[in-house]
Amino acid sequence: MQAKPLHLAVDVHYRDDGSALAAGILFANWETDAVARETAVTIPTVSAYVPGRFFERELPCILALVESLDTAPATIVIDGYVTLGPDERPGLGAHLFEALDRKIPVIGVAKNRFRDTPPSAELLRGRSARPLYVTSAGIAQEEAKRRVASMHGTGRIPSLLAAADRLSRAPAP
């Protein structure tokens, strides 16, 4: 019997010492909060943030996390945008999708609206009146939104995405 493919929810936290912790929650089922495995990678030195070039700072961290896995995830969910604005300029997720040779779909779940984000990216979850913004590459946006909407949790932020955020903020080992 073949194992069910795992999806990866990832977040990166930057530390005061110039390092970062890329953390991931591997999960098999979009509808539950069951964690198949937690994983984290410390990146000793990260690039400085450059406005408009955020992907240059975050992409190496996420790639290090993905490369640390035994098998490639079926889907990667990032905290941020895949594409930006109505003209769908490449954001972090689009750069990740390209770096992975377009083999792994990437879903971006952003908490804050980027200027000119089209209404089609908005997703209301739970009882929240504030939307999340869902963009994608390698998977249709409507399917990506359906998956994020189906994720466990009654609040705005799905449980597994919140777990990835908490893990990324864990004290250094």
C-alpha atoms as a PDB file:
ATOM      1  CA  MET A   1       0.000   0.000   0.000  1.00  0.00           C
ATOM      2  CA  GLN A   2       1.382   3.375  -1.041  1.00  0.00           C
ATOM      3  CA  ALA A   3       1.586   6.111   1.588  1.00  0.00           C
ATOM      4  CA  LYS A   4      -0.725   9.094   1.185  1.00  0.00           C
ATOM      5  CA  PRO A   5       1.154  12.101  -0.249  1.00  0.00           C
ATOM      6  CA  LEU A   6       2.027  14.763   2.299  1.00  0.00           C
ATOM      7  CA  HIS A   7       1.518  18.493   1.938  1.00  0.00           C
ATOM      8  CA  LEU A   8       3.807  21.058   3.568  1.00  0.00           C
ATOM      9  CA  ALA A   9       2.768  24.237   5.384  1.00  0.00           C
ATOM     10  CA  VAL A  10       5.853  26.398   5.828  1.00  0.00           C
ATOM     11  CA  ASP A  11       6.786  29.594   7.630  1.00  0.00           C
ATOM     12  CA  VAL A  12      10.084  31.381   8.240  1.00  0.00           C
ATOM     13  CA  HIS A  13      11.008  33.443  11.276  1.00  0.00           C
ATOM     14  CA  TYR A  14      14.003  35.790  11.240  1.00  0.00           C
ATOM     15  CA  ARG A  15      16.024  36.011  14.441  1.00  0.00           C
ATOM     16  CA  ASP A  16      17.863  38.958  15.929  1.00  0.00           C
ATOM     17  CA  ASP A  17      21.241  37.231  15.435  1.00  0.00           C
ATOM     18  CA  GLY A  18      20.861  37.301  11.610  1.00  0.00           C
ATOM     19  CA  SER A  19      19.756  33.681  11.314  1.00  0.00           C
ATOM     20  CA  ALA A  20      16.366  32.270  10.400  1.00  0.00           C
ATOM     21  CA  LEU A  21      14.341  29.203  11.257  1.00  0.00           C
ATOM     22  CA  ALA A  22      12.348  27.666   8.412  1.00  0.00           C
ATOM     23  CA  ALA A  23       9.658  25.428   9.857  1.00  0.00           C
ATOM     24  CA  GLY A  24       7.260  23.047   8.220  1.00  0.00           C
ATOM     25  CA  ILE A  25       4.202  21.059   9.157  1.00  0.00           C
ATOM     26  CA  LEU A  26       3.674  17.990   6.991  1.00  0.00           C
ATOM     27  CA  PHE A  27       0.075  16.837   6.735  1.00  0.00           C
ATOM     28  CA  ALA A  28      -1.929  14.313   4.728  1.00  0.00           C
ATOM     29  CA  ASN A  29      -5.457  15.641   5.033  1.00  0.00           C
ATOM     30  CA  TRP A  30      -6.580  19.211   4.349  1.00  0.00           C
ATOM     31  CA  GLU A  31      -9.634  18.907   6.616  1.00  0.00           C
ATOM     32  CA  THR A  32      -8.008  17.866   9.902  1.00  0.00           C
ATOM     33  CA  ASP A  33      -5.396  19.232  12.264  1.00  0.00           C
ATOM     34  CA  ALA A  34      -3.463  15.949  12.246  1.00  0.00           C
ATOM     35  CA  VAL A  35       0.262  16.599  11.884  1.00  0.00           C
ATOM     36  CA  ALA A  36       2.194  13.848  10.096  1.00  0.00           C
ATOM     37  CA  ARG A  37       5.550  15.409  11.006  1.00  0.00           C
ATOM     38  CA  GLU A  38       7.150  18.657  12.087  1.00  0.00           C
ATOM     39  CA  THR A  39      10.440  19.722  10.582  1.00  0.00           C
ATOM     40  CA  ALA A  40      12.698  22.743  10.927  1.00  0.00           C
ATOM     41  CA  VAL A  41      15.981  23.966   9.509  1.00  0.00           C
ATOM     42  CA  THR A  42      18.171  26.750  10.883  1.00  0.00           C
ATOM     43  CA  ILE A  43      19.711  29.011   8.271  1.00  0.00           C
ATOM     44  CA  PRO A  44      22.751  30.609   9.949  1.00  0.00           C
ATOM     45  CA  THR A  45      22.858  33.744   7.808  1.00  0.00           C
ATOM     46  CA  VAL A  46      20.134  35.324   5.707  1.00  0.00           C
ATOM     47  CA  SER A  47      20.154  38.208   3.278  1.00  0.00           C
ATOM     48  CA  ALA A  48      18.943  41.588   4.410  1.00  0.00           C
ATOM     49  CA  TYR A  49      15.402  42.537   3.478  1.00  0.00           C
ATOM     50  CA  VAL A  50      15.233  44.583   0.283  1.00  0.00           C
ATOM     51  CA  PRO A  51      11.848  46.182  -0.486  1.00  0.00           C
ATOM     52  CA  GLY A  52      10.308  44.565  -3.549  1.00  0.00           C
ATOM     53  CA  ARG A  53      12.788  41.670  -3.394  1.00  0.00           C
ATOM     54  CA  PHE A  54      11.502  39.763  -0.332  1.00  0.00           C
ATOM     55  CA  PHE A  55      11.773  36.466  -2.199  1.00  0.00           C
ATOM     56  CA  GLU A  56      15.576  36.801  -2.263  1.00  0.00           C
ATOM     57  CA  ARG A  57      15.577  36.598   1.524  1.00  0.00           C
ATOM     58  CA  GLU A  58      12.905  33.945   2.084  1.00  0.00           C
ATOM     59  CA  LEU A  59      13.352  31.609  -0.906  1.00  0.00           C
ATOM     60  CA  PRO A  60      16.708  30.121   0.198  1.00  0.00           C
ATOM     61  CA  CYS A  61      15.203  29.367   3.614  1.00  0.00           C
ATOM     62  CA  ILE A  62      12.211  27.518   2.167  1.00  0.00           C
ATOM     63  CA  LEU A  63      14.399  25.644  -0.322  1.00  0.00           C
ATOM     64  CA  ALA A  64      16.672  24.495   2.526  1.00  0.00           C
ATOM     65  CA  LEU A  65      13.623  23.145   4.343  1.00  0.00           C
ATOM     66  CA  VAL A  66      12.272  21.341   1.257  1.00  0.00           C
ATOM     67  CA  GLU A  67      15.715  19.863   0.516  1.00  0.00           C
ATOM     68  CA  SER A  68      15.871  18.468   4.065  1.00  0.00           C
ATOM     69  CA  LEU A  69      12.797  16.292   3.461  1.00  0.00           C
ATOM     70  CA  ASP A  70      12.959  12.594   2.567  1.00  0.00           C
ATOM     71  CA  THR A  71      10.405  12.990  -0.210  1.00  0.00           C
ATOM     72  CA  ALA A  72       9.010  15.980  -2.016  1.00  0.00           C
ATOM     73  CA  PRO A  73       5.682  17.269  -0.705  1.00  0.00           C
ATOM     74  CA  ALA A  74       2.595  17.048  -2.922  1.00  0.00           C
ATOM     75  CA  THR A  75       1.808  20.737  -2.304  1.00  0.00           C
ATOM     76  CA  ILE A  76       3.539  23.582  -0.470  1.00  0.00           C
ATOM     77  CA  VAL A  77       1.538  26.238   1.388  1.00  0.00           C
ATOM     78  CA  ILE A  78       3.458  29.429   2.134  1.00  0.00           C
ATOM     79  CA  ASP A  79       2.717  32.429   4.314  1.00  0.00           C
ATOM     80  CA  GLY A  80       2.626  35.054   1.580  1.00  0.00           C
ATOM     81  CA  TYR A  81       1.806  35.613  -2.054  1.00  0.00           C
ATOM     82  CA  VAL A  82       2.504  33.465  -5.087  1.00  0.00           C
ATOM     83  CA  THR A  83       1.610  36.267  -7.477  1.00  0.00           C
ATOM     84  CA  LEU A  84       1.192  39.985  -6.896  1.00  0.00           C
ATOM     85  CA  GLY A  85      -1.451  42.331  -8.253  1.00  0.00           C
ATOM     86  CA  PRO A  86      -3.862  41.921 -11.146  1.00  0.00           C
ATOM     87  CA  ASP A  87      -1.018  41.354 -13.613  1.00  0.00           C
ATOM     88  CA  GLU A  88       0.198  38.437 -11.446  1.00  0.00           C
ATOM     89  CA  ARG A  89       3.790  39.567 -11.061  1.00  0.00           C
ATOM     90  CA  PRO A  90       5.922  36.830  -9.511  1.00  0.00           C
ATOM     91  CA  GLY A  91       5.904  36.833  -5.730  1.00  0.00           C
ATOM     92  CA  LEU A  92       7.698  34.493  -3.333  1.00  0.00           C
ATOM     93  CA  GLY A  93       5.526  31.507  -4.261  1.00  0.00           C
ATOM     94  CA  ALA A  94       6.050  31.943  -8.015  1.00  0.00           C
ATOM     95  CA  HIS A  95       9.816  32.027  -7.474  1.00  0.00           C
ATOM     96  CA  LEU A  96       9.534  28.893  -5.310  1.00  0.00           C
ATOM     97  CA  PHE A  97       7.442  27.133  -7.978  1.00  0.00           C
ATOM     98  CA  GLU A  98      10.091  27.946 -10.616  1.00  0.00           C
ATOM     99  CA  ALA A  99      12.976  26.909  -8.314  1.00  0.00           C
ATOM    100  CA  LEU A 100      11.260  23.527  -7.880  1.00  0.00           C
ATOM    101  CA  ASP A 101      11.102  23.109 -11.676  1.00  0.00           C
ATOM    102  CA  ARG A 102       7.318  23.644 -11.640  1.00  0.00           C
ATOM    103  CA  LYS A 103       6.882  20.152 -10.160  1.00  0.00           C
ATOM    104  CA  ILE A 104       5.241  21.040  -6.836  1.00  0.00           C
ATOM    105  CA  PRO A 105       2.122  23.233  -6.691  1.00  0.00           C
ATOM    106  CA  VAL A 106       2.459  26.240  -4.394  1.00  0.00           C
ATOM    107  CA  ILE A 107      -0.418  27.914  -2.567  1.00  0.00           C
ATOM    108  CA  GLY A 108       0.125  31.310  -1.010  1.00  0.00           C
ATOM    109  CA  VAL A 109      -1.972  32.375   1.962  1.00  0.00           C
ATOM    110  CA  ALA A 110      -1.375  36.012   2.855  1.00  0.00           C
ATOM    111  CA  LYS A 111      -2.868  37.739   5.890  1.00  0.00           C
ATOM    112  CA  ASN A 112      -2.486  41.277   4.564  1.00  0.00           C
ATOM    113  CA  ARG A 113      -3.641  42.769   1.309  1.00  0.00           C
ATOM    114  CA  PHE A 114      -0.934  43.729  -1.162  1.00  0.00           C
ATOM    115  CA  ARG A 115      -1.834  46.808  -3.180  1.00  0.00           C
ATOM    116  CA  ASP A 116      -3.946  46.015  -6.231  1.00  0.00           C
ATOM    117  CA  THR A 117      -4.689  42.470  -5.049  1.00  0.00           C
ATOM    118  CA  PRO A 118      -7.711  41.403  -7.082  1.00  0.00           C
ATOM    119  CA  PRO A 119     -10.917  40.514  -5.225  1.00  0.00           C
ATOM    120  CA  SER A 120     -10.679  37.000  -6.702  1.00  0.00           C
ATOM    121  CA  ALA A 121      -7.857  36.273  -4.212  1.00  0.00           C
ATOM    122  CA  GLU A 122     -10.027  37.013  -1.158  1.00  0.00           C
ATOM    123  CA  LEU A 123     -11.190  34.150   1.051  1.00  0.00           C
ATOM    124  CA  LEU A 124     -13.281  34.543   4.196  1.00  0.00           C
ATOM    125  CA  ARG A 125     -12.821  31.757   6.754  1.00  0.00           C
ATOM    126  CA  GLY A 126     -14.643  31.055   9.952  1.00  0.00           C
ATOM    127  CA  ARG A 127     -16.446  34.002  11.451  1.00  0.00           C
ATOM    128  CA  SER A 128     -13.794  36.492  10.406  1.00  0.00           C
ATOM    129  CA  ALA A 129     -14.799  39.570   8.438  1.00  0.00           C
ATOM    130  CA  ARG A 130     -11.155  39.980   7.345  1.00  0.00           C
ATOM    131  CA  PRO A 131     -10.187  37.925   4.312  1.00  0.00           C
ATOM    132  CA  LEU A 132      -7.117  35.886   3.636  1.00  0.00           C
ATOM    133  CA  TYR A 133      -5.582  36.334   0.177  1.00  0.00           C
ATOM    134  CA  VAL A 134      -4.988  33.091  -1.720  1.00  0.00           C
ATOM    135  CA  THR A 135      -2.820  32.882  -4.830  1.00  0.00           C
ATOM    136  CA  SER A 136      -1.308  29.847  -6.491  1.00  0.00           C
ATOM    137  CA  ALA A 137       0.954  28.284  -9.104  1.00  0.00           C
ATOM    138  CA  GLY A 138       0.658  24.755 -10.450  1.00  0.00           C
ATOM    139  CA  ILE A 139      -2.920  24.535  -9.167  1.00  0.00           C
ATOM    140  CA  ALA A 140      -5.971  26.569 -10.164  1.00  0.00           C
ATOM    141  CA  GLN A 141      -6.713  29.448  -7.822  1.00  0.00           C
ATOM    142  CA  GLU A 142     -10.280  28.258  -7.168  1.00  0.00           C
ATOM    143  CA  GLU A 143      -8.987  24.799  -6.183  1.00  0.00           C
ATOM    144  CA  ALA A 144      -6.338  26.406  -3.958  1.00  0.00           C
ATOM    145  CA  LYS A 145      -9.028  28.534  -2.281  1.00  0.00           C
ATOM    146  CA  ARG A 146     -11.249  25.459  -1.819  1.00  0.00           C
ATOM    147  CA  ARG A 147      -8.396  23.611  -0.096  1.00  0.00           C
ATOM    148  CA  VAL A 148      -7.549  26.520   2.198  1.00  0.00           C
ATOM    149  CA  ALA A 149     -11.246  27.014   3.002  1.00  0.00           C
ATOM    150  CA  SER A 150     -11.515  23.308   3.914  1.00  0.00           C
ATOM    151  CA  MET A 151      -8.557  23.396   6.294  1.00  0.00           C
ATOM    152  CA  HIS A 152      -9.195  22.691   9.972  1.00  0.00           C
ATOM    153  CA  GLY A 153      -9.929  25.540  12.336  1.00  0.00           C
ATOM    154  CA  THR A 154     -12.855  27.784  13.062  1.00  0.00           C
ATOM    155  CA  GLY A 155     -10.904  31.020  12.830  1.00  0.00           C
ATOM    156  CA  ARG A 156      -9.429  33.041  10.026  1.00  0.00           C
ATOM    157  CA  ILE A 157      -6.069  31.228  10.079  1.00  0.00           C
ATOM    158  CA  PRO A 158      -6.165  27.439   9.496  1.00  0.00           C
ATOM    159  CA  SER A 159      -4.795  25.383  12.415  1.00  0.00           C
ATOM    160  CA  LEU A 160      -1.884  23.884  10.471  1.00  0.00           C
ATOM    161  CA  LEU A 161      -0.723  27.281   9.189  1.00  0.00           C
ATOM    162  CA  ALA A 162      -0.810  28.625  12.741  1.00  0.00           C
ATOM    163  CA  ALA A 163       1.196  25.570  13.842  1.00  0.00           C
ATOM    164  CA  ALA A 164       3.882  26.284  11.212  1.00  0.00           C
ATOM    165  CA  ASP A 165       4.087  29.873  12.453  1.00  0.00           C
ATOM    166  CA  ARG A 166       4.468  28.735  16.099  1.00  0.00           C
ATOM    167  CA  LEU A 167       7.125  26.183  15.141  1.00  0.00           C
ATOM    168  CA  SER A 168       9.119  28.811  13.232  1.00  0.00           C
ATOM    169  CA  ARG A 169       9.170  30.985  16.361  1.00  0.00           C
ATOM    170  CA  ALA A 170      10.364  28.220  18.661  1.00  0.00           C
ATOM    171  CA  PRO A 171      13.554  28.905  20.622  1.00  0.00           C
ATOM    172  CA  ALA A 172      16.771  27.963  18.840  1.00  0.00           C
ATOM    173  CA  PRO A 173      17.911  24.398  19.618  1.00  0.00           C
END
